[in-house]
Amino acid sequence: MEYLIDIWNWCKALTTEFFAALAAALSFLVAWRQHVWNKEHHLASIKPFICDFLERDHEELSLSFSVMNKGLGPAKIESYEFEWDGRRTKSEQVSKFMTDSFTGEFKLYLAELSSVSAFSAGESRVVLSVKKKNSDSVDKLDKDMFETFNKQIIKRLRLVIRYQSIQGGEVFEYRTTPLTSLMMEI
């Protein structure tokens, strides 16, 4: 009979130890999963998001194209490229197109970024800008040049920026996509 009592006590102790080990293992799994969720949430909370803004004024003949980081964290630029008709092109060629498009008094600006550039959250940068220096003396030739230039860059010029969070990881790609309403103007 004592033999059966010993077996019973042994099983009872083993059962208690088993469930204690099971509870510890489940606690570990829950803690590990919570750590993974926290890390995912942290990375999502500092994720950059680059977008664009095109501002045009046909009366004063000004155009400004800006990119901005609307995400919550800084964006480290991996690459910054222009495309013309779907083919990669150098900024010098874009600058030459800008210069060749205007004969009047226009102020032209084209920005370049390198792979050591970064955007802080909320930061905005002008990429391309055209403005008539003296908006009081706008003539038909100026308007025609501006409209032709405007249509050409909307139709043919694209900006491609590859970037990632300062924390590293996934590389994101921003690519200009003209609004349908702009494409209908062409």
N, C-alpha and C. Protein backbone atom coordinates (compact mmCIF):
# COMPACT_ATOMS: atom_id res chain seq x y z
N MET A 1 0.81 -1.19 0.00
CA MET A 1 0.00 0.00 0.00
C MET A 1 0.87 1.27 0.00
N GLU A 2 1.94 1.21 0.77
CA GLU A 2 2.85 2.36 0.78
C GLU A 2 3.42 2.61 -0.61
N TYR A 3 3.58 1.54 -1.32
CA TYR A 3 4.09 1.65 -2.69
C TYR A 3 3.14 2.50 -3.53
N LEU A 4 1.84 2.28 -3.41
CA LEU A 4 0.85 3.06 -4.16
C LEU A 4 0.82 4.53 -3.70
N ILE A 5 1.01 4.75 -2.42
CA ILE A 5 1.04 6.12 -1.91
C ILE A 5 2.28 6.83 -2.45
N ASP A 6 3.41 6.14 -2.51
CA ASP A 6 4.62 6.74 -3.07
C ASP A 6 4.42 7.10 -4.54
N ILE A 7 3.77 6.21 -5.29
CA ILE A 7 3.50 6.49 -6.71
C ILE A 7 2.58 7.69 -6.83
N TRP A 8 1.57 7.73 -5.97
CA TRP A 8 0.63 8.86 -5.99
C TRP A 8 1.35 10.18 -5.69
N ASN A 9 2.18 10.22 -4.71
CA ASN A 9 2.92 11.43 -4.35
C ASN A 9 3.88 11.83 -5.47
N TRP A 10 4.51 10.82 -6.05
CA TRP A 10 5.42 11.09 -7.16
C TRP A 10 4.66 11.71 -8.35
N CYS A 11 3.50 11.14 -8.70
CA CYS A 11 2.68 11.66 -9.81
C CYS A 11 2.18 13.07 -9.50
N LYS A 12 1.78 13.28 -8.24
CA LYS A 12 1.30 14.59 -7.84
C LYS A 12 2.43 15.63 -7.97
N ALA A 13 3.62 15.29 -7.54
CA ALA A 13 4.77 16.19 -7.64
C ALA A 13 5.13 16.42 -9.10
N LEU A 14 5.10 15.36 -9.89
CA LEU A 14 5.41 15.47 -11.31
C LEU A 14 4.39 16.35 -12.01
N THR A 15 3.12 16.19 -11.68
CA THR A 15 2.07 17.00 -12.28
C THR A 15 2.27 18.46 -11.92
N THR A 16 2.58 18.75 -10.68
CA THR A 16 2.81 20.13 -10.24
C THR A 16 4.01 20.71 -10.97
N GLU A 17 5.09 19.93 -11.08
CA GLU A 17 6.28 20.40 -11.78
C GLU A 17 6.00 20.61 -13.27
N PHE A 18 5.21 19.70 -13.84
CA PHE A 18 4.87 19.81 -15.26
C PHE A 18 4.08 21.10 -15.52
N PHE A 19 3.06 21.34 -14.71
CA PHE A 19 2.25 22.55 -14.92
C PHE A 19 3.02 23.82 -14.59
N ALA A 20 3.94 23.77 -13.64
CA ALA A 20 4.78 24.93 -13.35
C ALA A 20 5.70 25.22 -14.55
N ALA A 21 6.26 24.17 -15.15
CA ALA A 21 7.12 24.34 -16.33
C ALA A 21 6.29 24.84 -17.51
N LEU A 22 5.07 24.32 -17.67
CA LEU A 22 4.19 24.75 -18.75
C LEU A 22 3.83 26.23 -18.58
N ALA A 23 3.53 26.64 -17.36
CA ALA A 23 3.21 28.05 -17.09
C ALA A 23 4.42 28.94 -17.38
N ALA A 24 5.60 28.49 -17.03
CA ALA A 24 6.81 29.27 -17.31
C ALA A 24 7.04 29.39 -18.81
N ALA A 25 6.84 28.29 -19.53
CA ALA A 25 7.03 28.30 -20.99
C ALA A 25 6.01 29.23 -21.66
N LEU A 26 4.77 29.16 -21.23
CA LEU A 26 3.75 30.05 -21.80
C LEU A 26 4.03 31.51 -21.47
N SER A 27 4.49 31.78 -20.27
CA SER A 27 4.87 33.15 -19.89
C SER A 27 6.00 33.66 -20.77
N PHE A 28 6.98 32.80 -21.04
CA PHE A 28 8.08 33.17 -21.92
C PHE A 28 7.57 33.49 -23.32
N LEU A 29 6.68 32.65 -23.86
CA LEU A 29 6.15 32.87 -25.21
C LEU A 29 5.35 34.18 -25.28
N VAL A 30 4.56 34.45 -24.27
CA VAL A 30 3.79 35.69 -24.25
C VAL A 30 4.73 36.89 -24.17
N ALA A 31 5.75 36.83 -23.34
CA ALA A 31 6.71 37.92 -23.21
C ALA A 31 7.48 38.13 -24.52
N TRP A 32 7.88 37.04 -25.16
CA TRP A 32 8.60 37.13 -26.43
C TRP A 32 7.72 37.76 -27.50
N ARG A 33 6.46 37.33 -27.58
CA ARG A 33 5.53 37.87 -28.58
C ARG A 33 5.29 39.37 -28.32
N GLN A 34 5.16 39.74 -27.07
CA GLN A 34 4.97 41.15 -26.73
C GLN A 34 6.19 41.97 -27.15
N HIS A 35 7.38 41.40 -26.98
CA HIS A 35 8.60 42.08 -27.41
C HIS A 35 8.58 42.29 -28.92
N VAL A 36 8.19 41.27 -29.67
CA VAL A 36 8.12 41.38 -31.14
C VAL A 36 7.11 42.45 -31.54
N TRP A 37 5.94 42.48 -30.92
CA TRP A 37 4.93 43.49 -31.23
C TRP A 37 5.45 44.89 -30.90
N ASN A 38 6.13 45.03 -29.77
CA ASN A 38 6.68 46.33 -29.39
C ASN A 38 7.70 46.81 -30.41
N LYS A 39 8.55 45.89 -30.87
CA LYS A 39 9.56 46.25 -31.86
C LYS A 39 8.90 46.67 -33.19
N GLU A 40 7.89 45.89 -33.63
CA GLU A 40 7.18 46.24 -34.85
C GLU A 40 6.51 47.60 -34.71
N HIS A 41 5.89 47.85 -33.57
CA HIS A 41 5.23 49.12 -33.34
C HIS A 41 6.24 50.26 -33.33
N HIS A 42 7.38 50.04 -32.70
CA HIS A 42 8.42 51.08 -32.66
C HIS A 42 8.91 51.40 -34.06
N LEU A 43 9.18 50.37 -34.86
CA LEU A 43 9.66 50.61 -36.22
C LEU A 43 8.60 51.31 -37.06
N ALA A 44 7.33 50.95 -36.86
CA ALA A 44 6.26 51.61 -37.60
C ALA A 44 6.10 53.06 -37.14
N SER A 45 6.38 53.32 -35.88
CA SER A 45 6.21 54.68 -35.37
C SER A 45 7.30 55.64 -35.83
N ILE A 46 8.40 55.12 -36.36
CA ILE A 46 9.47 55.99 -36.86
C ILE A 46 9.64 55.84 -38.37
N LYS A 47 8.66 55.27 -39.04
CA LYS A 47 8.75 55.02 -40.47
C LYS A 47 8.60 56.33 -41.25
N PRO A 48 9.54 56.62 -42.16
CA PRO A 48 9.43 57.82 -42.98
C PRO A 48 8.44 57.59 -44.13
N PHE A 49 7.92 58.67 -44.68
CA PHE A 49 7.03 58.58 -45.84
C PHE A 49 7.22 59.84 -46.67
N ILE A 50 7.87 59.69 -47.82
CA ILE A 50 8.13 60.84 -48.69
C ILE A 50 6.98 61.00 -49.69
N CYS A 51 6.50 62.21 -49.80
CA CYS A 51 5.45 62.52 -50.78
C CYS A 51 5.78 63.86 -51.44
N ASP A 52 4.94 64.30 -52.37
CA ASP A 52 5.27 65.50 -53.14
C ASP A 52 4.14 66.52 -53.12
N PHE A 53 4.49 67.71 -53.61
CA PHE A 53 3.52 68.79 -53.73
C PHE A 53 3.93 69.65 -54.93
N LEU A 54 2.99 69.85 -55.83
CA LEU A 54 3.23 70.68 -57.02
C LEU A 54 2.36 71.93 -56.89
N GLU A 55 3.02 73.08 -56.94
CA GLU A 55 2.31 74.35 -56.84
C GLU A 55 2.55 75.12 -58.13
N ARG A 56 1.46 75.51 -58.79
CA ARG A 56 1.57 76.25 -60.04
C ARG A 56 0.73 77.52 -59.97
N ASP A 57 1.28 78.60 -60.49
CA ASP A 57 0.55 79.85 -60.58
C ASP A 57 0.69 80.34 -62.02
N HIS A 58 -0.38 80.23 -62.79
CA HIS A 58 -0.34 80.58 -64.21
C HIS A 58 -0.39 82.09 -64.44
N GLU A 59 -0.81 82.84 -63.43
CA GLU A 59 -0.85 84.31 -63.57
C GLU A 59 0.54 84.91 -63.39
N GLU A 60 1.23 84.46 -62.34
CA GLU A 60 2.57 85.00 -62.07
C GLU A 60 3.67 84.15 -62.70
N LEU A 61 3.28 83.11 -63.39
CA LEU A 61 4.21 82.19 -64.06
C LEU A 61 5.24 81.64 -63.09
N SER A 62 4.74 80.93 -62.10
CA SER A 62 5.65 80.27 -61.15
C SER A 62 5.21 78.82 -60.97
N LEU A 63 6.20 77.99 -60.80
CA LEU A 63 5.98 76.56 -60.59
C LEU A 63 6.98 76.11 -59.55
N SER A 64 6.51 75.33 -58.60
CA SER A 64 7.39 74.81 -57.57
C SER A 64 7.01 73.36 -57.28
N PHE A 65 8.00 72.48 -57.35
CA PHE A 65 7.78 71.07 -57.05
C PHE A 65 8.61 70.74 -55.81
N SER A 66 7.95 70.28 -54.76
CA SER A 66 8.61 69.98 -53.49
C SER A 66 8.37 68.53 -53.09
N VAL A 67 9.30 67.99 -52.34
CA VAL A 67 9.10 66.69 -51.69
C VAL A 67 9.21 66.92 -50.19
N MET A 68 8.46 66.12 -49.45
CA MET A 68 8.46 66.27 -48.00
C MET A 68 8.32 64.92 -47.33
N ASN A 69 8.81 64.84 -46.12
CA ASN A 69 8.71 63.62 -45.32
C ASN A 69 7.51 63.77 -44.39
N LYS A 70 6.42 63.10 -44.74
CA LYS A 70 5.21 63.15 -43.93
C LYS A 70 5.17 62.03 -42.90
N GLY A 71 6.21 61.20 -42.88
CA GLY A 71 6.28 60.11 -41.90
C GLY A 71 6.67 60.63 -40.53
N LEU A 72 6.84 59.70 -39.61
CA LEU A 72 7.15 60.09 -38.24
C LEU A 72 8.63 60.06 -37.93
N GLY A 73 9.43 59.43 -38.78
CA GLY A 73 10.86 59.34 -38.53
C GLY A 73 11.67 59.88 -39.68
N PRO A 74 12.97 60.07 -39.47
CA PRO A 74 13.84 60.58 -40.53
C PRO A 74 13.99 59.58 -41.67
N ALA A 75 14.19 60.11 -42.88
CA ALA A 75 14.40 59.29 -44.07
C ALA A 75 15.82 59.50 -44.56
N LYS A 76 16.60 58.42 -44.62
CA LYS A 76 17.96 58.48 -45.16
C LYS A 76 17.87 58.18 -46.65
N ILE A 77 18.37 59.08 -47.46
CA ILE A 77 18.31 58.93 -48.91
C ILE A 77 19.34 57.90 -49.36
N GLU A 78 18.88 56.90 -50.07
CA GLU A 78 19.76 55.89 -50.66
C GLU A 78 20.14 56.28 -52.08
N SER A 79 19.16 56.75 -52.85
CA SER A 79 19.44 57.23 -54.21
C SER A 79 18.40 58.27 -54.60
N TYR A 80 18.80 59.16 -55.50
CA TYR A 80 17.99 60.29 -55.94
C TYR A 80 18.25 60.43 -57.43
N GLU A 81 17.24 60.12 -58.25
CA GLU A 81 17.45 60.09 -59.69
C GLU A 81 16.29 60.74 -60.43
N PHE A 82 16.61 61.31 -61.58
CA PHE A 82 15.60 61.82 -62.48
C PHE A 82 15.41 60.82 -63.61
N GLU A 83 14.18 60.72 -64.10
CA GLU A 83 13.88 59.93 -65.30
C GLU A 83 13.20 60.84 -66.30
N TRP A 84 13.62 60.71 -67.56
CA TRP A 84 13.01 61.47 -68.65
C TRP A 84 12.48 60.46 -69.64
N ASP A 85 11.19 60.47 -69.87
CA ASP A 85 10.52 59.48 -70.73
C ASP A 85 10.84 58.05 -70.31
N GLY A 86 10.91 57.81 -68.99
CA GLY A 86 11.13 56.47 -68.47
C GLY A 86 12.57 56.02 -68.40
N ARG A 87 13.51 56.85 -68.87
CA ARG A 87 14.92 56.50 -68.83
C ARG A 87 15.66 57.40 -67.84
N ARG A 88 16.56 56.80 -67.10
CA ARG A 88 17.35 57.55 -66.13
C ARG A 88 18.14 58.64 -66.84
N THR A 89 18.17 59.82 -66.24
CA THR A 89 18.88 60.94 -66.83
C THR A 89 19.62 61.71 -65.74
N LYS A 90 20.63 62.42 -66.13
CA LYS A 90 21.41 63.21 -65.17
C LYS A 90 20.72 64.54 -64.91
N SER A 91 20.98 65.09 -63.75
CA SER A 91 20.37 66.38 -63.40
C SER A 91 20.84 67.48 -64.35
N GLU A 92 22.04 67.35 -64.91
CA GLU A 92 22.54 68.34 -65.85
C GLU A 92 21.64 68.42 -67.09
N GLN A 93 21.12 67.26 -67.52
CA GLN A 93 20.23 67.26 -68.68
C GLN A 93 18.90 67.93 -68.35
N VAL A 94 18.40 67.70 -67.14
CA VAL A 94 17.17 68.36 -66.70
C VAL A 94 17.41 69.86 -66.62
N SER A 95 18.55 70.24 -66.06
CA SER A 95 18.90 71.65 -65.94
C SER A 95 19.02 72.30 -67.33
N LYS A 96 19.62 71.59 -68.27
CA LYS A 96 19.75 72.09 -69.65
C LYS A 96 18.37 72.27 -70.28
N PHE A 97 17.47 71.31 -70.07
CA PHE A 97 16.11 71.44 -70.59
C PHE A 97 15.43 72.68 -70.01
N MET A 98 15.63 72.90 -68.71
CA MET A 98 15.04 74.08 -68.07
C MET A 98 15.60 75.36 -68.69
N THR A 99 16.91 75.41 -68.83
CA THR A 99 17.56 76.61 -69.39
C THR A 99 17.13 76.85 -70.83
N ASP A 100 17.06 75.78 -71.62
CA ASP A 100 16.69 75.91 -73.03
C ASP A 100 15.22 76.27 -73.22
N SER A 101 14.39 76.01 -72.22
CA SER A 101 12.95 76.25 -72.35
C SER A 101 12.56 77.71 -72.20
N PHE A 102 13.44 78.51 -71.62
CA PHE A 102 13.08 79.89 -71.33
C PHE A 102 14.09 80.86 -71.94
N THR A 103 13.56 81.92 -72.57
CA THR A 103 14.42 82.97 -73.09
C THR A 103 14.22 84.26 -72.31
N GLY A 104 13.11 84.38 -71.63
CA GLY A 104 12.81 85.57 -70.85
C GLY A 104 13.54 85.55 -69.52
N GLU A 105 13.14 86.42 -68.65
CA GLU A 105 13.78 86.53 -67.34
C GLU A 105 13.07 85.64 -66.33
N PHE A 106 13.53 84.42 -66.24
CA PHE A 106 12.97 83.45 -65.30
C PHE A 106 14.06 83.00 -64.35
N LYS A 107 13.69 82.83 -63.11
CA LYS A 107 14.61 82.28 -62.11
C LYS A 107 14.37 80.77 -62.08
N LEU A 108 15.43 80.00 -62.33
CA LEU A 108 15.34 78.54 -62.40
C LEU A 108 16.12 77.92 -61.25
N TYR A 109 15.56 76.87 -60.67
CA TYR A 109 16.23 76.19 -59.55
C TYR A 109 15.99 74.68 -59.67
N LEU A 110 17.05 73.91 -59.52
CA LEU A 110 16.97 72.45 -59.54
C LEU A 110 17.87 71.91 -58.43
N ALA A 111 17.30 71.14 -57.53
CA ALA A 111 18.06 70.62 -56.38
C ALA A 111 18.59 69.22 -56.68
N GLU A 112 19.68 68.91 -56.02
CA GLU A 112 20.23 67.56 -56.07
C GLU A 112 20.44 67.10 -54.63
N LEU A 113 20.23 65.82 -54.40
CA LEU A 113 20.49 65.21 -53.11
C LEU A 113 21.45 64.06 -53.31
N SER A 114 22.22 63.76 -52.29
CA SER A 114 23.17 62.65 -52.40
C SER A 114 22.77 61.53 -51.44
N SER A 115 23.53 60.47 -51.46
CA SER A 115 23.22 59.32 -50.60
C SER A 115 23.58 59.58 -49.14
N VAL A 116 24.11 60.75 -48.83
CA VAL A 116 24.35 61.10 -47.42
C VAL A 116 23.32 62.13 -46.94
N SER A 117 22.32 62.40 -47.78
CA SER A 117 21.26 63.33 -47.40
C SER A 117 20.20 62.60 -46.59
N ALA A 118 19.47 63.38 -45.82
CA ALA A 118 18.37 62.82 -45.03
C ALA A 118 17.29 63.88 -44.86
N PHE A 119 16.04 63.43 -44.68
CA PHE A 119 14.91 64.30 -44.41
C PHE A 119 14.44 64.04 -42.99
N SER A 120 14.35 65.06 -42.19
CA SER A 120 13.73 64.91 -40.88
C SER A 120 12.22 64.77 -41.06
N ALA A 121 11.56 64.24 -40.07
CA ALA A 121 10.10 64.17 -40.11
C ALA A 121 9.55 65.58 -40.23
N GLY A 122 8.68 65.80 -41.20
CA GLY A 122 8.08 67.11 -41.41
C GLY A 122 8.89 68.05 -42.29
N GLU A 123 10.09 67.64 -42.69
CA GLU A 123 10.95 68.50 -43.52
C GLU A 123 10.48 68.49 -44.97
N SER A 124 10.59 69.64 -45.60
CA SER A 124 10.20 69.81 -46.99
C SER A 124 11.35 70.45 -47.76
N ARG A 125 11.55 70.01 -49.01
CA ARG A 125 12.61 70.59 -49.85
C ARG A 125 12.05 70.85 -51.25
N VAL A 126 12.41 71.99 -51.78
CA VAL A 126 12.05 72.31 -53.16
C VAL A 126 13.02 71.57 -54.06
N VAL A 127 12.48 70.83 -55.02
CA VAL A 127 13.30 70.07 -55.96
C VAL A 127 13.48 70.86 -57.25
N LEU A 128 12.40 71.47 -57.72
CA LEU A 128 12.44 72.18 -58.98
C LEU A 128 11.58 73.43 -58.83
N SER A 129 12.09 74.54 -59.32
CA SER A 129 11.34 75.79 -59.21
C SER A 129 11.60 76.66 -60.44
N VAL A 130 10.53 77.26 -60.96
CA VAL A 130 10.61 78.20 -62.07
C VAL A 130 9.75 79.38 -61.68
N LYS A 131 10.29 80.58 -61.84
CA LYS A 131 9.51 81.77 -61.49
C LYS A 131 9.94 82.94 -62.37
N LYS A 132 8.94 83.63 -62.88
CA LYS A 132 9.21 84.85 -63.65
C LYS A 132 9.74 85.89 -62.68
N LYS A 133 10.90 86.47 -62.99
CA LYS A 133 11.53 87.43 -62.08
C LYS A 133 10.67 88.67 -61.86
N ASN A 134 10.11 89.19 -62.92
CA ASN A 134 9.26 90.38 -62.81
C ASN A 134 7.87 89.99 -63.30
N SER A 135 6.99 89.64 -62.38
CA SER A 135 5.67 89.15 -62.79
C SER A 135 4.77 90.28 -63.31
N ASP A 136 5.21 91.53 -63.22
CA ASP A 136 4.43 92.65 -63.77
C ASP A 136 4.56 92.73 -65.28
N SER A 137 5.63 92.17 -65.84
CA SER A 137 5.86 92.27 -67.28
C SER A 137 5.74 90.91 -67.96
N VAL A 138 4.57 90.29 -67.81
CA VAL A 138 4.32 88.98 -68.42
C VAL A 138 3.70 89.20 -69.79
N ASP A 139 4.34 88.61 -70.82
CA ASP A 139 3.76 88.72 -72.15
C ASP A 139 3.37 87.34 -72.67
N LYS A 140 2.80 87.31 -73.86
CA LYS A 140 2.30 86.05 -74.43
C LYS A 140 3.43 85.04 -74.64
N LEU A 141 4.60 85.50 -75.06
CA LEU A 141 5.75 84.60 -75.26
C LEU A 141 6.13 83.93 -73.94
N ASP A 142 6.17 84.71 -72.86
CA ASP A 142 6.48 84.15 -71.54
C ASP A 142 5.46 83.09 -71.15
N LYS A 143 4.18 83.40 -71.35
CA LYS A 143 3.11 82.46 -71.00
C LYS A 143 3.23 81.18 -71.82
N ASP A 144 3.51 81.33 -73.12
CA ASP A 144 3.64 80.16 -73.99
C ASP A 144 4.82 79.29 -73.56
N MET A 145 5.96 79.92 -73.25
CA MET A 145 7.13 79.16 -72.79
C MET A 145 6.81 78.42 -71.49
N PHE A 146 6.15 79.11 -70.58
CA PHE A 146 5.81 78.52 -69.29
C PHE A 146 4.85 77.34 -69.47
N GLU A 147 3.83 77.50 -70.30
CA GLU A 147 2.86 76.42 -70.52
C GLU A 147 3.51 75.21 -71.18
N THR A 148 4.37 75.46 -72.16
CA THR A 148 5.07 74.36 -72.84
C THR A 148 5.96 73.61 -71.86
N PHE A 149 6.72 74.36 -71.08
CA PHE A 149 7.59 73.75 -70.06
C PHE A 149 6.76 72.95 -69.06
N ASN A 150 5.70 73.54 -68.58
CA ASN A 150 4.81 72.91 -67.61
C ASN A 150 4.30 71.56 -68.14
N LYS A 151 3.82 71.55 -69.36
CA LYS A 151 3.29 70.31 -69.96
C LYS A 151 4.38 69.26 -70.14
N GLN A 152 5.56 69.70 -70.56
CA GLN A 152 6.65 68.75 -70.79
C GLN A 152 7.12 68.07 -69.50
N ILE A 153 7.28 68.83 -68.43
CA ILE A 153 7.76 68.18 -67.21
C ILE A 153 6.70 67.28 -66.60
N ILE A 154 5.43 67.66 -66.73
CA ILE A 154 4.37 66.80 -66.19
C ILE A 154 4.31 65.50 -66.98
N LYS A 155 4.48 65.60 -68.27
CA LYS A 155 4.40 64.42 -69.14
C LYS A 155 5.65 63.55 -69.09
N ARG A 156 6.84 64.16 -69.03
CA ARG A 156 8.07 63.42 -69.27
C ARG A 156 9.00 63.24 -68.08
N LEU A 157 8.97 64.14 -67.11
CA LEU A 157 9.96 64.12 -66.03
C LEU A 157 9.40 63.40 -64.80
N ARG A 158 10.22 62.50 -64.25
CA ARG A 158 9.87 61.79 -63.01
C ARG A 158 11.06 61.86 -62.07
N LEU A 159 10.75 61.85 -60.80
CA LEU A 159 11.77 61.81 -59.76
C LEU A 159 11.62 60.49 -59.02
N VAL A 160 12.73 59.79 -58.82
CA VAL A 160 12.73 58.53 -58.09
C VAL A 160 13.68 58.67 -56.91
N ILE A 161 13.14 58.47 -55.72
CA ILE A 161 13.96 58.54 -54.50
C ILE A 161 13.82 57.21 -53.77
N ARG A 162 14.94 56.56 -53.51
CA ARG A 162 14.96 55.37 -52.67
C ARG A 162 15.47 55.80 -51.31
N TYR A 163 14.75 55.41 -50.27
CA TYR A 163 15.10 55.87 -48.93
C TYR A 163 14.75 54.80 -47.91
N GLN A 164 15.30 54.95 -46.73
CA GLN A 164 14.99 54.04 -45.64
C GLN A 164 15.01 54.80 -44.33
N SER A 165 14.50 54.16 -43.31
CA SER A 165 14.53 54.74 -41.98
C SER A 165 15.98 54.82 -41.52
N ILE A 166 16.27 55.74 -40.63
CA ILE A 166 17.61 55.84 -40.05
C ILE A 166 17.97 54.53 -39.34
N GLN A 167 16.96 53.82 -38.85
CA GLN A 167 17.17 52.54 -38.16
C GLN A 167 17.58 51.43 -39.14
N GLY A 168 17.52 51.71 -40.44
CA GLY A 168 17.87 50.71 -41.43
C GLY A 168 16.67 49.86 -41.78
N GLY A 169 16.92 48.73 -42.38
CA GLY A 169 15.84 47.82 -42.74
C GLY A 169 15.35 48.05 -44.15
N GLU A 170 14.05 47.98 -44.31
CA GLU A 170 13.40 48.03 -45.61
C GLU A 170 13.72 49.33 -46.36
N VAL A 171 13.98 49.21 -47.67
CA VAL A 171 14.20 50.38 -48.52
C VAL A 171 12.90 50.68 -49.23
N PHE A 172 12.44 51.93 -49.12
CA PHE A 172 11.19 52.36 -49.74
C PHE A 172 11.52 53.14 -51.01
N GLU A 173 10.55 53.21 -51.91
CA GLU A 173 10.76 53.96 -53.15
C GLU A 173 9.64 54.97 -53.33
N TYR A 174 10.04 56.21 -53.55
CA TYR A 174 9.10 57.27 -53.91
C TYR A 174 9.29 57.51 -55.40
N ARG A 175 8.20 57.61 -56.13
CA ARG A 175 8.25 57.87 -57.57
C ARG A 175 7.12 58.84 -57.89
N THR A 176 7.46 59.94 -58.57
CA THR A 176 6.40 60.90 -58.92
C THR A 176 5.37 60.24 -59.81
N THR A 177 4.14 60.52 -59.52
CA THR A 177 3.02 60.06 -60.32
C THR A 177 2.09 61.25 -60.50
N PRO A 178 2.00 61.80 -61.70
CA PRO A 178 1.16 62.98 -61.88
C PRO A 178 -0.32 62.67 -61.63
N LEU A 179 -1.01 63.65 -61.13
CA LEU A 179 -2.45 63.50 -60.93
C LEU A 179 -3.13 63.34 -62.29
N THR A 180 -4.20 62.60 -62.31
CA THR A 180 -4.95 62.39 -63.54
C THR A 180 -5.39 63.72 -64.14
N SER A 181 -5.79 64.65 -63.28
CA SER A 181 -6.23 65.96 -63.77
C SER A 181 -5.11 66.70 -64.50
N LEU A 182 -3.86 66.52 -64.04
CA LEU A 182 -2.73 67.16 -64.72
C LEU A 182 -2.47 66.50 -66.08
N MET A 183 -2.60 65.20 -66.14
CA MET A 183 -2.35 64.49 -67.39
C MET A 183 -3.41 64.86 -68.43
N MET A 184 -4.61 65.20 -67.99
CA MET A 184 -5.68 65.56 -68.91
C MET A 184 -5.41 66.94 -69.54
N GLU A 185 -4.61 67.78 -68.88
CA GLU A 185 -4.28 69.10 -69.41
C GLU A 185 -3.33 69.02 -70.59
N ILE A 186 -2.60 67.92 -70.69
CA ILE A 186 -1.56 67.80 -71.72
C ILE A 186 -2.15 67.51 -73.07
